[in-house]
Amino acid sequence: PRPIERHRNLTKDEFARLVARGIPFILEDASDPDWDISSWRCSSFNKEFPNFKFRQEYSLAQIRGDESNLETFSGEADQWWTQKRPNNFNNLPDDAPKYAPF
């Protein structure tokens, strides 16, 4: 597999170019280190926002054009960050992600 690129101090244009490629990357400075959210993990969302909703990229709902394309996750029992969900798009490059990111 391809190593995941890590970036810092991106301009708006650089960020847009990276997103348009469709290849996952890590943005290392997305929040100020003094913000509480800078130390959050995926599990923090379950704790802080029970029954929260967010878009699931590469989902069947997205393929169908479902504008809501939201998935609800509920509490600590639903450990969505540990689940692998298939990438439902066809005709992607060989090095594209095989599983859908959240």
N, C-alpha and C. Protein backbone atom coordinates (compact mmCIF):
# COMPACT_ATOMS: atom_id res chain seq x y z
N PRO A 1 0.83 -1.21 0.00
CA PRO A 1 0.00 0.00 0.00
C PRO A 1 0.87 1.26 0.00
N ARG A 2 0.29 2.30 -0.49
CA ARG A 2 0.96 3.60 -0.55
C ARG A 2 1.01 4.22 0.85
N PRO A 3 2.17 4.77 1.24
CA PRO A 3 2.22 5.46 2.54
C PRO A 3 1.35 6.72 2.50
N ILE A 4 0.73 7.01 3.61
CA ILE A 4 -0.14 8.19 3.67
C ILE A 4 0.71 9.44 3.83
N GLU A 5 0.49 10.41 2.94
CA GLU A 5 1.22 11.67 3.00
C GLU A 5 0.77 12.49 4.20
N ARG A 6 1.69 13.23 4.76
CA ARG A 6 1.40 14.14 5.87
C ARG A 6 1.76 15.55 5.43
N HIS A 7 0.89 16.52 5.76
CA HIS A 7 1.13 17.90 5.33
C HIS A 7 0.88 18.87 6.48
N ARG A 8 1.57 20.02 6.39
CA ARG A 8 1.41 21.13 7.34
C ARG A 8 1.46 22.43 6.55
N ASN A 9 0.90 23.47 7.13
CA ASN A 9 0.99 24.82 6.57
C ASN A 9 0.56 24.92 5.11
N LEU A 10 -0.52 24.24 4.77
CA LEU A 10 -1.00 24.27 3.39
C LEU A 10 -1.73 25.58 3.09
N THR A 11 -1.59 26.05 1.87
CA THR A 11 -2.43 27.16 1.44
C THR A 11 -3.78 26.58 1.02
N LYS A 12 -4.74 27.45 0.82
CA LYS A 12 -6.07 27.01 0.39
C LYS A 12 -5.97 26.26 -0.95
N ASP A 13 -5.17 26.78 -1.88
CA ASP A 13 -5.02 26.14 -3.19
C ASP A 13 -4.33 24.78 -3.09
N GLU A 14 -3.31 24.69 -2.25
CA GLU A 14 -2.62 23.40 -2.07
C GLU A 14 -3.57 22.36 -1.49
N PHE A 15 -4.35 22.78 -0.50
CA PHE A 15 -5.33 21.88 0.11
C PHE A 15 -6.34 21.41 -0.94
N ALA A 16 -6.87 22.32 -1.74
CA ALA A 16 -7.85 21.98 -2.77
C ALA A 16 -7.27 20.98 -3.78
N ARG A 17 -6.01 21.19 -4.15
CA ARG A 17 -5.35 20.27 -5.10
C ARG A 17 -5.23 18.87 -4.51
N LEU A 18 -4.85 18.78 -3.24
CA LEU A 18 -4.72 17.47 -2.59
C LEU A 18 -6.08 16.77 -2.50
N VAL A 19 -7.11 17.50 -2.14
CA VAL A 19 -8.45 16.91 -2.03
C VAL A 19 -8.92 16.42 -3.40
N ALA A 20 -8.68 17.20 -4.44
CA ALA A 20 -9.13 16.85 -5.79
C ALA A 20 -8.49 15.55 -6.30
N ARG A 21 -7.30 15.23 -5.81
CA ARG A 21 -6.64 13.99 -6.23
C ARG A 21 -7.41 12.76 -5.77
N GLY A 22 -8.13 12.89 -4.65
CA GLY A 22 -8.90 11.76 -4.13
C GLY A 22 -8.08 10.73 -3.38
N ILE A 23 -6.88 11.11 -2.99
CA ILE A 23 -6.01 10.20 -2.24
C ILE A 23 -5.93 10.71 -0.81
N PRO A 24 -6.20 9.85 0.17
CA PRO A 24 -6.18 10.31 1.57
C PRO A 24 -4.83 10.91 1.97
N PHE A 25 -4.90 11.89 2.86
CA PHE A 25 -3.69 12.49 3.42
C PHE A 25 -4.02 12.96 4.82
N ILE A 26 -2.99 13.19 5.59
CA ILE A 26 -3.16 13.67 6.96
C ILE A 26 -2.75 15.13 7.01
N LEU A 27 -3.63 15.94 7.54
CA LEU A 27 -3.35 17.35 7.75
C LEU A 27 -2.94 17.49 9.22
N GLU A 28 -1.68 17.70 9.46
CA GLU A 28 -1.15 17.66 10.82
C GLU A 28 -1.45 18.89 11.65
N ASP A 29 -1.81 19.99 11.02
CA ASP A 29 -2.05 21.21 11.78
C ASP A 29 -3.44 21.78 11.50
N ALA A 30 -4.43 20.90 11.54
CA ALA A 30 -5.81 21.32 11.25
C ALA A 30 -6.43 22.14 12.38
N SER A 31 -5.88 22.04 13.58
CA SER A 31 -6.41 22.83 14.68
C SER A 31 -5.24 23.38 15.51
N ASP A 32 -5.49 24.45 16.17
CA ASP A 32 -4.48 25.05 17.04
C ASP A 32 -4.21 24.08 18.20
N PRO A 33 -2.94 23.89 18.57
CA PRO A 33 -2.62 22.96 19.66
C PRO A 33 -3.31 23.30 20.98
N ASP A 34 -3.72 24.56 21.15
CA ASP A 34 -4.39 24.95 22.40
C ASP A 34 -5.87 24.56 22.43
N TRP A 35 -6.44 24.20 21.29
CA TRP A 35 -7.85 23.82 21.25
C TRP A 35 -8.01 22.42 21.83
N ASP A 36 -9.09 22.22 22.57
CA ASP A 36 -9.37 20.89 23.13
C ASP A 36 -9.45 19.83 22.03
N ILE A 37 -10.03 20.20 20.90
CA ILE A 37 -10.25 19.22 19.83
C ILE A 37 -8.94 18.69 19.23
N SER A 38 -7.84 19.39 19.43
CA SER A 38 -6.57 18.94 18.86
C SER A 38 -6.11 17.60 19.42
N SER A 39 -6.59 17.22 20.59
CA SER A 39 -6.21 15.93 21.17
C SER A 39 -7.30 14.86 21.04
N TRP A 40 -8.39 15.19 20.37
CA TRP A 40 -9.49 14.24 20.23
C TRP A 40 -9.10 13.06 19.35
N ARG A 41 -9.72 11.93 19.65
CA ARG A 41 -9.62 10.73 18.82
C ARG A 41 -11.03 10.49 18.26
N CYS A 42 -11.18 9.54 17.38
CA CYS A 42 -12.51 9.24 16.83
C CYS A 42 -13.50 8.94 17.95
N SER A 43 -13.04 8.22 18.97
CA SER A 43 -13.93 7.85 20.08
C SER A 43 -14.44 9.08 20.83
N SER A 44 -13.71 10.20 20.76
CA SER A 44 -14.13 11.41 21.46
C SER A 44 -15.48 11.92 20.93
N PHE A 45 -15.74 11.73 19.63
CA PHE A 45 -17.01 12.19 19.07
C PHE A 45 -18.18 11.44 19.69
N ASN A 46 -18.02 10.13 19.92
CA ASN A 46 -19.09 9.36 20.56
C ASN A 46 -19.35 9.86 21.98
N LYS A 47 -18.29 10.20 22.68
CA LYS A 47 -18.43 10.66 24.06
C LYS A 47 -19.04 12.06 24.12
N GLU A 48 -18.53 12.97 23.30
CA GLU A 48 -18.96 14.37 23.35
C GLU A 48 -20.30 14.63 22.65
N PHE A 49 -20.60 13.85 21.62
CA PHE A 49 -21.82 14.08 20.82
C PHE A 49 -22.57 12.77 20.62
N PRO A 50 -23.23 12.26 21.65
CA PRO A 50 -23.99 11.02 21.47
C PRO A 50 -25.05 11.22 20.38
N ASN A 51 -25.23 10.20 19.57
CA ASN A 51 -26.20 10.21 18.46
C ASN A 51 -25.89 11.27 17.41
N PHE A 52 -24.60 11.55 17.19
CA PHE A 52 -24.23 12.53 16.19
C PHE A 52 -24.35 11.93 14.79
N LYS A 53 -24.38 12.81 13.81
CA LYS A 53 -24.49 12.39 12.41
C LYS A 53 -23.36 13.04 11.61
N PHE A 54 -22.85 12.30 10.64
CA PHE A 54 -21.91 12.89 9.70
C PHE A 54 -21.96 12.16 8.37
N ARG A 55 -21.40 12.81 7.36
CA ARG A 55 -21.40 12.24 6.01
C ARG A 55 -20.48 11.04 5.95
N GLN A 56 -20.93 10.02 5.26
CA GLN A 56 -20.06 8.89 5.00
C GLN A 56 -19.63 8.97 3.54
N GLU A 57 -18.38 9.29 3.30
CA GLU A 57 -17.88 9.39 1.94
C GLU A 57 -17.77 8.00 1.32
N TYR A 58 -17.97 7.92 0.01
CA TYR A 58 -17.90 6.68 -0.76
C TYR A 58 -18.99 5.69 -0.37
N SER A 59 -20.08 6.16 0.20
CA SER A 59 -21.16 5.28 0.61
C SER A 59 -22.13 5.06 -0.54
N LEU A 60 -22.99 4.05 -0.39
CA LEU A 60 -24.02 3.81 -1.40
C LEU A 60 -24.97 5.00 -1.49
N ALA A 61 -25.24 5.65 -0.36
CA ALA A 61 -26.11 6.84 -0.38
C ALA A 61 -25.49 7.94 -1.22
N GLN A 62 -24.19 8.12 -1.13
CA GLN A 62 -23.52 9.14 -1.92
C GLN A 62 -23.59 8.78 -3.41
N ILE A 63 -23.39 7.53 -3.72
CA ILE A 63 -23.46 7.09 -5.12
C ILE A 63 -24.85 7.34 -5.69
N ARG A 64 -25.87 7.09 -4.89
CA ARG A 64 -27.26 7.31 -5.34
C ARG A 64 -27.60 8.79 -5.42
N GLY A 65 -26.75 9.65 -4.89
CA GLY A 65 -27.02 11.07 -4.90
C GLY A 65 -27.92 11.52 -3.76
N ASP A 66 -28.05 10.70 -2.74
CA ASP A 66 -28.87 11.02 -1.57
C ASP A 66 -28.24 12.21 -0.85
N GLU A 67 -28.91 13.35 -0.88
CA GLU A 67 -28.36 14.57 -0.30
C GLU A 67 -28.17 14.47 1.21
N SER A 68 -29.00 13.69 1.88
CA SER A 68 -28.84 13.60 3.33
C SER A 68 -27.53 12.86 3.64
N ASN A 69 -27.29 11.72 2.99
CA ASN A 69 -26.06 10.95 3.12
C ASN A 69 -25.43 11.09 4.51
N LEU A 70 -26.25 10.97 5.52
CA LEU A 70 -25.77 11.07 6.89
C LEU A 70 -25.95 9.74 7.59
N GLU A 71 -25.02 9.42 8.42
CA GLU A 71 -25.13 8.20 9.20
C GLU A 71 -25.12 8.61 10.67
N THR A 72 -25.96 7.98 11.46
CA THR A 72 -26.04 8.28 12.89
C THR A 72 -25.26 7.23 13.66
N PHE A 73 -24.47 7.68 14.59
CA PHE A 73 -23.72 6.78 15.44
C PHE A 73 -24.12 7.06 16.87
N SER A 74 -24.27 5.99 17.64
CA SER A 74 -24.85 6.18 18.97
C SER A 74 -23.97 5.63 20.07
N GLY A 75 -23.38 6.53 20.81
CA GLY A 75 -22.71 6.19 22.06
C GLY A 75 -21.49 5.29 21.93
N GLU A 76 -20.95 4.95 23.06
CA GLU A 76 -19.72 4.17 23.14
C GLU A 76 -19.85 2.77 22.54
N ALA A 77 -21.05 2.20 22.55
CA ALA A 77 -21.23 0.85 22.04
C ALA A 77 -21.00 0.77 20.54
N ASP A 78 -21.25 1.86 19.83
CA ASP A 78 -21.07 1.89 18.38
C ASP A 78 -19.67 2.39 18.05
N GLN A 79 -18.74 1.49 17.95
CA GLN A 79 -17.34 1.87 17.70
C GLN A 79 -17.07 1.92 16.20
N TRP A 80 -17.68 2.90 15.52
CA TRP A 80 -17.60 3.04 14.07
C TRP A 80 -16.16 3.16 13.57
N TRP A 81 -15.27 3.69 14.39
CA TRP A 81 -13.88 3.88 13.97
C TRP A 81 -13.11 2.57 13.87
N THR A 82 -13.68 1.48 14.35
CA THR A 82 -13.01 0.18 14.27
C THR A 82 -13.52 -0.67 13.10
N GLN A 83 -14.51 -0.19 12.38
CA GLN A 83 -15.15 -0.97 11.32
C GLN A 83 -14.58 -0.64 9.95
N LYS A 84 -14.39 -1.67 9.13
CA LYS A 84 -13.98 -1.47 7.74
C LYS A 84 -15.24 -1.58 6.89
N ARG A 85 -15.50 -0.57 6.11
CA ARG A 85 -16.65 -0.57 5.20
C ARG A 85 -16.13 -0.45 3.78
N PRO A 86 -16.65 -1.27 2.87
CA PRO A 86 -16.10 -1.26 1.51
C PRO A 86 -16.30 0.06 0.80
N ASN A 87 -15.35 0.38 -0.03
CA ASN A 87 -15.44 1.55 -0.90
C ASN A 87 -16.35 1.12 -2.05
N ASN A 88 -17.49 1.75 -2.20
CA ASN A 88 -18.50 1.29 -3.15
C ASN A 88 -18.38 1.89 -4.54
N PHE A 89 -17.30 2.58 -4.83
CA PHE A 89 -17.11 3.14 -6.16
C PHE A 89 -16.38 2.15 -7.06
N ASN A 90 -16.72 2.15 -8.33
CA ASN A 90 -16.03 1.31 -9.31
C ASN A 90 -15.07 2.18 -10.12
N ASN A 91 -14.18 1.53 -10.82
CA ASN A 91 -13.26 2.19 -11.75
C ASN A 91 -12.35 3.21 -11.07
N LEU A 92 -11.91 2.92 -9.86
CA LEU A 92 -10.96 3.79 -9.19
C LEU A 92 -9.54 3.33 -9.51
N PRO A 93 -8.56 4.19 -9.39
CA PRO A 93 -7.17 3.77 -9.61
C PRO A 93 -6.80 2.62 -8.67
N ASP A 94 -5.83 1.82 -9.08
CA ASP A 94 -5.42 0.67 -8.27
C ASP A 94 -4.97 1.06 -6.87
N ASP A 95 -4.41 2.26 -6.73
CA ASP A 95 -3.91 2.66 -5.41
C ASP A 95 -4.94 3.45 -4.60
N ALA A 96 -6.19 3.48 -5.06
CA ALA A 96 -7.25 4.16 -4.31
C ALA A 96 -7.60 3.34 -3.07
N PRO A 97 -8.15 3.99 -2.04
CA PRO A 97 -8.52 3.26 -0.82
C PRO A 97 -9.55 2.17 -1.11
N LYS A 98 -9.36 1.02 -0.48
CA LYS A 98 -10.29 -0.11 -0.65
C LYS A 98 -11.45 -0.02 0.35
N TYR A 99 -11.28 0.80 1.37
CA TYR A 99 -12.33 0.97 2.38
C TYR A 99 -12.73 2.43 2.44
N ALA A 100 -13.98 2.66 2.83
CA ALA A 100 -14.54 4.02 2.85
C ALA A 100 -14.08 4.76 4.10
N PRO A 101 -13.53 5.96 3.92
CA PRO A 101 -13.18 6.77 5.08
C PRO A 101 -14.42 7.46 5.64
N PHE A 102 -14.34 7.85 6.88
CA PHE A 102 -15.42 8.61 7.49
C PHE A 102 -14.95 10.01 7.74
